């Protein structure tokens, strides 16, 4: 069974959504709605080339903004983002990433190389990869068990 890596097996050709700590929560929410995503990465200057300083997710919106009675149009991401989030390297194995995210109850994690964001992995992405791998493993087992090279009709009866 091949060990699938985050890059390029899970994360590839992503246009990562990044914002600055000075951007407003409402800007993040609009970006997330427009792109149908559940999290944005916060970098020092709002660009992918800049070091990551945080992540802002739907959970942050719910707990730290709405749940705290803050106004999204007046609250800066720096006030409510998750600072210095855990990250994964591009070479991390998909299964290891899935286990890590499950253990920590994460739904999204930035993929970072040399302090620069190269992508975002979601638990949904990783479940899809795990499911594909399981299906492939089942087909390989069926081929071994039921394939022409291993079936009962290929056994030759030899004299004793």
N, C-alpha and C. Protein backbone atom coordinates (compact mmCIF):
# COMPACT_ATOMS: atom_id res chain seq x y z
N UNK A 1 0.85 -1.18 0.00
CA UNK A 1 0.00 0.00 0.00
C UNK A 1 0.89 1.24 0.00
N UNK A 2 0.72 2.13 -0.97
CA UNK A 2 1.55 3.34 -1.02
C UNK A 2 1.18 4.31 0.10
N UNK A 3 2.17 5.00 0.60
CA UNK A 3 1.94 6.00 1.63
C UNK A 3 1.64 7.33 0.95
N UNK A 4 0.41 7.77 1.02
CA UNK A 4 0.02 9.02 0.38
C UNK A 4 0.48 10.19 1.22
N UNK A 5 1.07 11.16 0.55
CA UNK A 5 1.59 12.37 1.19
C UNK A 5 0.60 13.52 0.99
N UNK A 6 0.64 14.50 1.90
CA UNK A 6 -0.27 15.63 1.78
C UNK A 6 -0.08 16.35 0.45
N UNK A 7 1.18 16.60 0.11
CA UNK A 7 1.49 17.21 -1.19
C UNK A 7 2.31 16.18 -1.95
N UNK A 8 1.88 15.76 -3.10
CA UNK A 8 0.79 16.25 -3.95
C UNK A 8 -0.48 15.40 -3.91
N UNK A 9 -0.54 14.36 -3.05
CA UNK A 9 -1.64 13.41 -3.10
C UNK A 9 -2.97 13.97 -2.57
N UNK A 10 -2.92 14.89 -1.64
CA UNK A 10 -4.14 15.45 -1.07
C UNK A 10 -4.28 16.92 -1.45
N UNK A 11 -3.24 17.67 -1.21
CA UNK A 11 -3.24 19.11 -1.49
C UNK A 11 -2.45 19.36 -2.77
N UNK A 12 -3.12 19.89 -3.76
CA UNK A 12 -2.44 20.23 -5.01
C UNK A 12 -3.21 21.33 -5.72
N UNK A 13 -2.50 22.23 -6.31
CA UNK A 13 -3.09 23.34 -7.08
C UNK A 13 -4.14 24.12 -6.29
N UNK A 14 -3.88 24.38 -5.04
CA UNK A 14 -4.81 25.16 -4.23
C UNK A 14 -4.52 26.65 -4.36
N UNK A 15 -5.58 27.42 -4.39
CA UNK A 15 -5.49 28.87 -4.29
C UNK A 15 -5.85 29.18 -2.84
N UNK A 16 -4.85 29.22 -1.98
CA UNK A 16 -5.06 29.33 -0.55
C UNK A 16 -5.64 30.71 -0.20
N UNK A 17 -6.68 30.71 0.62
CA UNK A 17 -7.31 31.94 1.07
C UNK A 17 -6.54 32.49 2.27
N UNK A 18 -5.90 33.64 2.08
CA UNK A 18 -5.14 34.26 3.16
C UNK A 18 -5.65 35.68 3.39
N UNK A 19 -5.57 36.10 4.63
CA UNK A 19 -5.93 37.46 5.01
C UNK A 19 -4.91 37.96 6.02
N UNK A 20 -4.98 39.24 6.31
CA UNK A 20 -4.09 39.88 7.27
C UNK A 20 -4.75 39.92 8.65
N UNK A 21 -3.97 39.98 9.71
CA UNK A 21 -4.55 40.11 11.06
C UNK A 21 -5.39 41.38 11.21
N UNK A 22 -5.12 42.38 10.38
CA UNK A 22 -5.86 43.64 10.44
C UNK A 22 -7.18 43.60 9.69
N UNK A 23 -7.40 42.56 8.88
CA UNK A 23 -8.67 42.43 8.17
C UNK A 23 -9.79 42.17 9.17
N UNK A 24 -10.98 42.61 8.80
CA UNK A 24 -12.14 42.43 9.66
C UNK A 24 -12.72 41.02 9.52
N UNK A 25 -13.39 40.57 10.55
CA UNK A 25 -14.05 39.27 10.54
C UNK A 25 -15.02 39.20 9.37
N UNK A 26 -15.75 40.28 9.09
CA UNK A 26 -16.72 40.28 8.00
C UNK A 26 -16.03 40.00 6.66
N UNK A 27 -14.83 40.49 6.48
CA UNK A 27 -14.07 40.21 5.26
C UNK A 27 -13.78 38.71 5.16
N UNK A 28 -13.39 38.12 6.27
CA UNK A 28 -13.11 36.68 6.29
C UNK A 28 -14.38 35.89 5.99
N UNK A 29 -15.48 36.28 6.59
CA UNK A 29 -16.74 35.57 6.38
C UNK A 29 -17.14 35.65 4.91
N UNK A 30 -17.03 36.83 4.32
CA UNK A 30 -17.37 36.99 2.90
C UNK A 30 -16.47 36.12 2.03
N UNK A 31 -15.19 36.09 2.34
CA UNK A 31 -14.24 35.27 1.58
C UNK A 31 -14.62 33.80 1.70
N UNK A 32 -14.95 33.37 2.90
CA UNK A 32 -15.31 31.97 3.12
C UNK A 32 -16.60 31.62 2.38
N UNK A 33 -17.57 32.50 2.40
CA UNK A 33 -18.83 32.25 1.70
C UNK A 33 -18.60 32.24 0.19
N UNK A 34 -17.87 33.24 -0.33
CA UNK A 34 -17.62 33.33 -1.78
C UNK A 34 -16.88 32.10 -2.31
N UNK A 35 -15.98 31.55 -1.51
CA UNK A 35 -15.16 30.43 -1.97
C UNK A 35 -15.65 29.08 -1.47
N UNK A 36 -16.74 29.10 -0.70
CA UNK A 36 -17.32 27.88 -0.16
C UNK A 36 -16.28 27.08 0.64
N UNK A 37 -15.63 27.79 1.56
CA UNK A 37 -14.62 27.19 2.43
C UNK A 37 -14.98 27.48 3.88
N UNK A 38 -14.34 26.79 4.79
CA UNK A 38 -14.68 26.92 6.21
C UNK A 38 -13.58 27.53 7.05
N UNK A 39 -12.49 27.94 6.41
CA UNK A 39 -11.37 28.52 7.15
C UNK A 39 -10.50 29.35 6.22
N UNK A 40 -9.87 30.37 6.80
CA UNK A 40 -8.88 31.16 6.06
C UNK A 40 -7.60 31.20 6.90
N UNK A 41 -6.49 31.29 6.22
CA UNK A 41 -5.20 31.38 6.89
C UNK A 41 -4.86 32.85 7.04
N UNK A 42 -4.37 33.19 8.22
CA UNK A 42 -3.97 34.57 8.50
C UNK A 42 -2.45 34.62 8.48
N UNK A 43 -1.92 35.47 7.58
CA UNK A 43 -0.47 35.63 7.47
C UNK A 43 -0.11 37.06 7.84
N UNK A 44 1.16 37.29 8.11
CA UNK A 44 1.62 38.59 8.59
C UNK A 44 1.14 39.75 7.72
N UNK A 45 1.21 39.58 6.40
CA UNK A 45 0.77 40.68 5.53
C UNK A 45 -0.42 40.29 4.63
N UNK A 46 -1.00 39.14 4.88
CA UNK A 46 -2.17 38.73 4.12
C UNK A 46 -1.88 38.02 2.82
N UNK A 47 -0.60 37.73 2.55
CA UNK A 47 -0.24 37.03 1.32
C UNK A 47 0.30 35.65 1.64
N UNK A 48 0.29 34.78 0.66
CA UNK A 48 0.79 33.42 0.83
C UNK A 48 2.29 33.42 1.11
N UNK A 49 2.99 34.40 0.60
CA UNK A 49 4.45 34.46 0.76
C UNK A 49 4.87 34.88 2.16
N UNK A 50 3.94 35.37 2.94
CA UNK A 50 4.23 35.88 4.28
C UNK A 50 4.08 34.77 5.33
N UNK A 51 4.80 34.85 6.43
CA UNK A 51 4.68 33.82 7.47
C UNK A 51 3.27 33.74 8.06
N UNK A 52 2.87 32.54 8.40
CA UNK A 52 1.55 32.31 8.99
C UNK A 52 1.57 32.78 10.45
N UNK A 53 0.49 33.47 10.84
CA UNK A 53 0.35 33.93 12.23
C UNK A 53 -0.91 33.38 12.89
N UNK A 54 -1.83 32.85 12.07
CA UNK A 54 -3.06 32.32 12.66
C UNK A 54 -3.95 31.67 11.63
N UNK A 55 -5.09 31.19 12.12
CA UNK A 55 -6.11 30.62 11.27
C UNK A 55 -7.45 31.09 11.83
N UNK A 56 -8.39 31.34 10.95
CA UNK A 56 -9.74 31.74 11.37
C UNK A 56 -10.71 30.76 10.75
N UNK A 57 -11.49 30.10 11.60
CA UNK A 57 -12.39 29.04 11.15
C UNK A 57 -13.84 29.35 11.53
N UNK A 58 -14.74 28.53 11.02
CA UNK A 58 -16.15 28.67 11.41
C UNK A 58 -16.32 28.54 12.92
N UNK A 59 -15.53 27.69 13.53
CA UNK A 59 -15.60 27.55 15.00
C UNK A 59 -15.21 28.85 15.69
N UNK A 60 -14.17 29.52 15.18
CA UNK A 60 -13.78 30.81 15.76
C UNK A 60 -14.91 31.82 15.60
N UNK A 61 -15.54 31.82 14.45
CA UNK A 61 -16.66 32.73 14.20
C UNK A 61 -17.78 32.48 15.21
N UNK A 62 -18.10 31.22 15.40
CA UNK A 62 -19.19 30.86 16.30
C UNK A 62 -18.86 31.19 17.76
N UNK A 63 -17.72 30.73 18.23
CA UNK A 63 -17.38 30.86 19.64
C UNK A 63 -16.84 32.23 20.02
N UNK A 64 -15.95 32.77 19.19
CA UNK A 64 -15.24 33.99 19.58
C UNK A 64 -15.87 35.28 19.06
N UNK A 65 -16.74 35.16 18.08
CA UNK A 65 -17.37 36.37 17.54
C UNK A 65 -18.85 36.37 17.93
N UNK A 66 -19.64 35.52 17.32
CA UNK A 66 -21.08 35.49 17.58
C UNK A 66 -21.36 35.16 19.04
N UNK A 67 -20.74 34.11 19.54
CA UNK A 67 -20.96 33.68 20.93
C UNK A 67 -20.52 34.69 21.96
N UNK A 68 -19.61 35.57 21.58
CA UNK A 68 -19.11 36.60 22.51
C UNK A 68 -19.77 37.95 22.27
N UNK A 69 -20.71 38.01 21.35
CA UNK A 69 -21.43 39.26 21.09
C UNK A 69 -20.61 40.32 20.37
N UNK A 70 -19.58 39.89 19.64
CA UNK A 70 -18.75 40.85 18.90
C UNK A 70 -19.40 41.18 17.56
N UNK A 71 -19.07 42.33 17.05
CA UNK A 71 -19.59 42.79 15.76
C UNK A 71 -18.59 42.41 14.66
N UNK A 72 -18.99 41.53 13.72
CA UNK A 72 -18.07 41.08 12.66
C UNK A 72 -17.50 42.23 11.81
N UNK A 73 -18.25 43.29 11.66
CA UNK A 73 -17.78 44.42 10.85
C UNK A 73 -16.86 45.36 11.60
N UNK A 74 -16.63 45.08 12.89
CA UNK A 74 -15.76 45.95 13.69
C UNK A 74 -14.67 45.18 14.43
N UNK A 75 -14.63 43.88 14.24
CA UNK A 75 -13.66 43.04 14.93
C UNK A 75 -12.57 42.59 13.96
N UNK A 76 -11.34 42.81 14.34
CA UNK A 76 -10.20 42.39 13.52
C UNK A 76 -9.90 40.92 13.76
N UNK A 77 -9.40 40.28 12.73
CA UNK A 77 -9.04 38.86 12.86
C UNK A 77 -8.04 38.63 13.98
N UNK A 78 -7.14 39.57 14.19
CA UNK A 78 -6.13 39.41 15.25
C UNK A 78 -6.75 39.23 16.63
N UNK A 79 -7.98 39.69 16.80
CA UNK A 79 -8.66 39.59 18.09
C UNK A 79 -9.30 38.22 18.32
N UNK A 80 -9.60 37.50 17.24
CA UNK A 80 -10.39 36.28 17.39
C UNK A 80 -9.82 35.04 16.68
N UNK A 81 -8.74 35.20 15.98
CA UNK A 81 -8.16 34.05 15.26
C UNK A 81 -7.47 33.12 16.25
N UNK A 82 -7.22 31.91 15.81
CA UNK A 82 -6.40 30.98 16.57
C UNK A 82 -4.96 31.29 16.21
N UNK A 83 -4.21 31.76 17.17
CA UNK A 83 -2.82 32.18 16.93
C UNK A 83 -1.88 30.97 16.86
N UNK A 84 -0.85 31.13 16.06
CA UNK A 84 0.19 30.11 15.94
C UNK A 84 -0.39 28.70 15.87
N UNK A 85 -1.20 28.44 14.86
CA UNK A 85 -1.84 27.12 14.78
C UNK A 85 -0.83 26.02 14.50
N UNK A 86 -1.21 24.82 14.89
CA UNK A 86 -0.42 23.67 14.48
C UNK A 86 -0.46 23.62 12.96
N UNK A 87 0.59 23.10 12.38
CA UNK A 87 0.66 22.96 10.93
C UNK A 87 1.21 21.59 10.59
N UNK A 88 1.10 21.25 9.34
CA UNK A 88 1.64 19.99 8.84
C UNK A 88 2.62 20.27 7.72
N UNK A 89 3.68 19.48 7.61
CA UNK A 89 4.60 19.64 6.49
C UNK A 89 4.03 18.98 5.24
N UNK A 90 4.44 19.42 4.06
CA UNK A 90 3.93 18.82 2.82
C UNK A 90 4.17 17.33 2.71
N UNK A 91 5.24 16.83 3.29
CA UNK A 91 5.57 15.41 3.18
C UNK A 91 4.88 14.52 4.20
N UNK A 92 4.03 15.10 5.04
CA UNK A 92 3.33 14.29 6.05
C UNK A 92 2.45 13.25 5.36
N UNK A 93 2.40 12.06 5.94
CA UNK A 93 1.54 11.01 5.41
C UNK A 93 0.09 11.36 5.73
N UNK A 94 -0.79 11.10 4.76
CA UNK A 94 -2.20 11.44 4.92
C UNK A 94 -2.80 10.76 6.14
N UNK A 95 -2.48 9.50 6.37
CA UNK A 95 -3.04 8.78 7.51
C UNK A 95 -2.56 9.37 8.83
N UNK A 96 -1.31 9.75 8.90
CA UNK A 96 -0.77 10.38 10.11
C UNK A 96 -1.47 11.72 10.35
N UNK A 97 -1.67 12.48 9.28
CA UNK A 97 -2.37 13.77 9.39
C UNK A 97 -3.80 13.56 9.89
N UNK A 98 -4.47 12.55 9.36
CA UNK A 98 -5.84 12.25 9.78
C UNK A 98 -5.89 11.91 11.27
N UNK A 99 -4.97 11.08 11.72
CA UNK A 99 -4.93 10.71 13.14
C UNK A 99 -4.64 11.93 14.02
N UNK A 100 -3.73 12.78 13.59
CA UNK A 100 -3.37 13.99 14.34
C UNK A 100 -4.58 14.92 14.45
N UNK A 101 -5.26 15.13 13.33
CA UNK A 101 -6.41 16.03 13.33
C UNK A 101 -7.55 15.46 14.17
N UNK A 102 -7.75 14.16 14.12
CA UNK A 102 -8.80 13.53 14.92
C UNK A 102 -8.49 13.67 16.41
N UNK A 103 -7.24 13.43 16.77
CA UNK A 103 -6.82 13.52 18.17
C UNK A 103 -7.00 14.93 18.73
N UNK A 104 -6.70 15.93 17.91
CA UNK A 104 -6.76 17.33 18.34
C UNK A 104 -8.11 18.00 18.06
N UNK A 105 -9.01 17.25 17.43
CA UNK A 105 -10.35 17.76 17.08
C UNK A 105 -10.28 18.93 16.10
N UNK A 106 -9.35 18.86 15.16
CA UNK A 106 -9.22 19.88 14.11
C UNK A 106 -10.01 19.46 12.89
N UNK A 107 -10.55 20.45 12.20
CA UNK A 107 -11.19 20.18 10.92
C UNK A 107 -10.37 20.74 9.76
N UNK A 108 -9.47 21.67 10.05
CA UNK A 108 -8.61 22.27 9.03
C UNK A 108 -7.23 22.51 9.62
N UNK A 109 -6.22 22.28 8.80
CA UNK A 109 -4.85 22.59 9.21
C UNK A 109 -4.07 23.12 8.02
N UNK A 110 -3.30 24.17 8.25
CA UNK A 110 -2.43 24.68 7.19
C UNK A 110 -1.29 23.71 6.91
N UNK A 111 -0.91 23.62 5.66
CA UNK A 111 0.26 22.86 5.25
C UNK A 111 1.33 23.90 4.97
N UNK A 112 2.44 23.80 5.71
CA UNK A 112 3.45 24.86 5.69
C UNK A 112 4.82 24.27 5.41
N UNK A 113 5.57 24.98 4.57
CA UNK A 113 6.95 24.61 4.28
C UNK A 113 7.81 25.86 4.36
N UNK A 114 8.85 25.82 5.17
CA UNK A 114 9.74 26.97 5.35
C UNK A 114 8.97 28.23 5.74
N UNK A 115 8.06 28.11 6.70
CA UNK A 115 7.24 29.22 7.20
C UNK A 115 6.28 29.82 6.18
N UNK A 116 6.09 29.16 5.05
CA UNK A 116 5.17 29.66 4.04
C UNK A 116 4.06 28.65 3.77
N UNK A 117 2.87 29.15 3.65
CA UNK A 117 1.71 28.29 3.43
C UNK A 117 1.74 27.73 2.01
N UNK A 118 1.58 26.42 1.90
CA UNK A 118 1.49 25.79 0.58
C UNK A 118 0.12 25.18 0.34
N UNK A 119 -0.71 25.16 1.40
CA UNK A 119 -2.06 24.64 1.24
C UNK A 119 -2.78 24.53 2.56
N UNK A 120 -4.01 24.06 2.46
CA UNK A 120 -4.84 23.82 3.64
C UNK A 120 -5.45 22.44 3.46
N UNK A 121 -5.36 21.62 4.47
CA UNK A 121 -5.95 20.28 4.40
C UNK A 121 -7.15 20.25 5.35
N UNK A 122 -8.19 19.60 4.89
CA UNK A 122 -9.38 19.46 5.74
C UNK A 122 -9.57 18.00 6.10
N UNK A 123 -10.30 17.78 7.17
CA UNK A 123 -10.59 16.42 7.59
C UNK A 123 -11.37 15.71 6.49
N UNK A 124 -12.20 16.45 5.79
CA UNK A 124 -12.98 15.88 4.68
C UNK A 124 -12.05 15.39 3.56
N UNK A 125 -11.01 16.17 3.24
CA UNK A 125 -10.03 15.76 2.23
C UNK A 125 -9.37 14.44 2.64
N UNK A 126 -9.01 14.36 3.90
CA UNK A 126 -8.31 13.18 4.39
C UNK A 126 -9.22 11.96 4.46
N UNK A 127 -10.48 12.15 4.82
CA UNK A 127 -11.43 11.03 4.81
C UNK A 127 -11.59 10.50 3.39
N UNK A 128 -11.62 11.40 2.41
CA UNK A 128 -11.75 10.97 1.01
C UNK A 128 -10.56 10.11 0.59
N UNK A 129 -9.36 10.52 0.97
CA UNK A 129 -8.16 9.76 0.64
C UNK A 129 -8.18 8.40 1.34
N UNK A 130 -8.58 8.39 2.61
CA UNK A 130 -8.64 7.13 3.36
C UNK A 130 -9.67 6.19 2.74
N UNK A 131 -10.80 6.73 2.33
CA UNK A 131 -11.85 5.92 1.70
C UNK A 131 -11.35 5.34 0.38
N UNK A 132 -10.70 6.16 -0.44
CA UNK A 132 -10.14 5.67 -1.71
C UNK A 132 -9.16 4.54 -1.46
N UNK A 133 -8.32 4.71 -0.44
CA UNK A 133 -7.32 3.68 -0.13
C UNK A 133 -7.99 2.39 0.32
N UNK A 134 -9.03 2.49 1.13
CA UNK A 134 -9.75 1.30 1.59
C UNK A 134 -10.39 0.56 0.42
N UNK A 135 -11.00 1.30 -0.49
CA UNK A 135 -11.62 0.68 -1.67
C UNK A 135 -10.56 -0.03 -2.50
N UNK A 136 -9.43 0.62 -2.70
CA UNK A 136 -8.34 0.02 -3.47
C UNK A 136 -7.83 -1.24 -2.77
N UNK A 137 -7.68 -1.19 -1.46
CA UNK A 137 -7.22 -2.36 -0.71
C UNK A 137 -8.19 -3.52 -0.84
N UNK A 138 -9.49 -3.24 -0.77
CA UNK A 138 -10.50 -4.29 -0.91
C UNK A 138 -10.42 -4.92 -2.29
N UNK A 139 -10.29 -4.10 -3.33
CA UNK A 139 -10.18 -4.64 -4.69
C UNK A 139 -8.93 -5.51 -4.84
N UNK A 140 -7.82 -5.10 -4.23
CA UNK A 140 -6.60 -5.90 -4.30
C UNK A 140 -6.78 -7.23 -3.57
N UNK A 141 -7.44 -7.20 -2.43
CA UNK A 141 -7.70 -8.45 -1.69
C UNK A 141 -8.63 -9.36 -2.48
N UNK A 142 -9.65 -8.79 -3.10
CA UNK A 142 -10.56 -9.60 -3.93
C UNK A 142 -9.82 -10.23 -5.09
N UNK A 143 -8.90 -9.49 -5.69
CA UNK A 143 -8.13 -10.03 -6.82
C UNK A 143 -7.27 -11.20 -6.36
N UNK A 144 -6.72 -11.10 -5.17
CA UNK A 144 -5.90 -12.19 -4.65
C UNK A 144 -6.77 -13.40 -4.34
N UNK A 145 -7.89 -13.16 -3.67
CA UNK A 145 -8.76 -14.26 -3.25
C UNK A 145 -9.53 -14.86 -4.42
N UNK A 146 -10.07 -14.01 -5.29
CA UNK A 146 -10.95 -14.51 -6.35
C UNK A 146 -10.35 -14.43 -7.75
N UNK A 147 -9.14 -13.92 -7.86
CA UNK A 147 -8.51 -13.76 -9.16
C UNK A 147 -8.20 -15.08 -9.82
N UNK A 148 -7.98 -15.05 -11.14
CA UNK A 148 -7.78 -16.29 -11.90
C UNK A 148 -6.54 -17.06 -11.45
N UNK A 149 -5.54 -16.39 -10.98
CA UNK A 149 -4.33 -17.07 -10.54
C UNK A 149 -4.48 -17.80 -9.23
N UNK A 150 -5.54 -17.51 -8.49
CA UNK A 150 -5.70 -18.10 -7.18
C UNK A 150 -7.01 -18.85 -7.01
N UNK A 151 -7.72 -19.08 -8.07
CA UNK A 151 -9.02 -19.73 -7.93
C UNK A 151 -8.87 -21.25 -7.86
N UNK A 152 -9.90 -21.89 -7.39
CA UNK A 152 -9.90 -23.34 -7.23
C UNK A 152 -9.74 -24.05 -8.57
N UNK A 153 -10.32 -23.52 -9.65
CA UNK A 153 -10.27 -24.21 -10.94
C UNK A 153 -8.87 -24.25 -11.54
N UNK A 154 -7.91 -23.54 -10.98
CA UNK A 154 -6.55 -23.58 -11.53
C UNK A 154 -5.65 -24.58 -10.81
N UNK A 155 -6.18 -25.22 -9.78
CA UNK A 155 -5.38 -26.21 -9.05
C UNK A 155 -5.27 -27.48 -9.89
N UNK A 156 -4.07 -27.93 -10.05
CA UNK A 156 -3.84 -29.14 -10.85
C UNK A 156 -3.75 -30.32 -9.90
N UNK A 157 -4.51 -31.35 -10.19
CA UNK A 157 -4.50 -32.56 -9.38
C UNK A 157 -3.32 -33.40 -9.84
N UNK A 158 -2.37 -33.62 -8.96
CA UNK A 158 -1.18 -34.40 -9.31
C UNK A 158 -1.27 -35.80 -8.70
N UNK A 159 -0.74 -36.75 -9.42
CA UNK A 159 -0.75 -38.11 -8.87
C UNK A 159 0.19 -38.21 -7.67
N UNK A 160 -0.15 -39.09 -6.77
CA UNK A 160 0.66 -39.27 -5.56
C UNK A 160 1.70 -40.28 -5.72
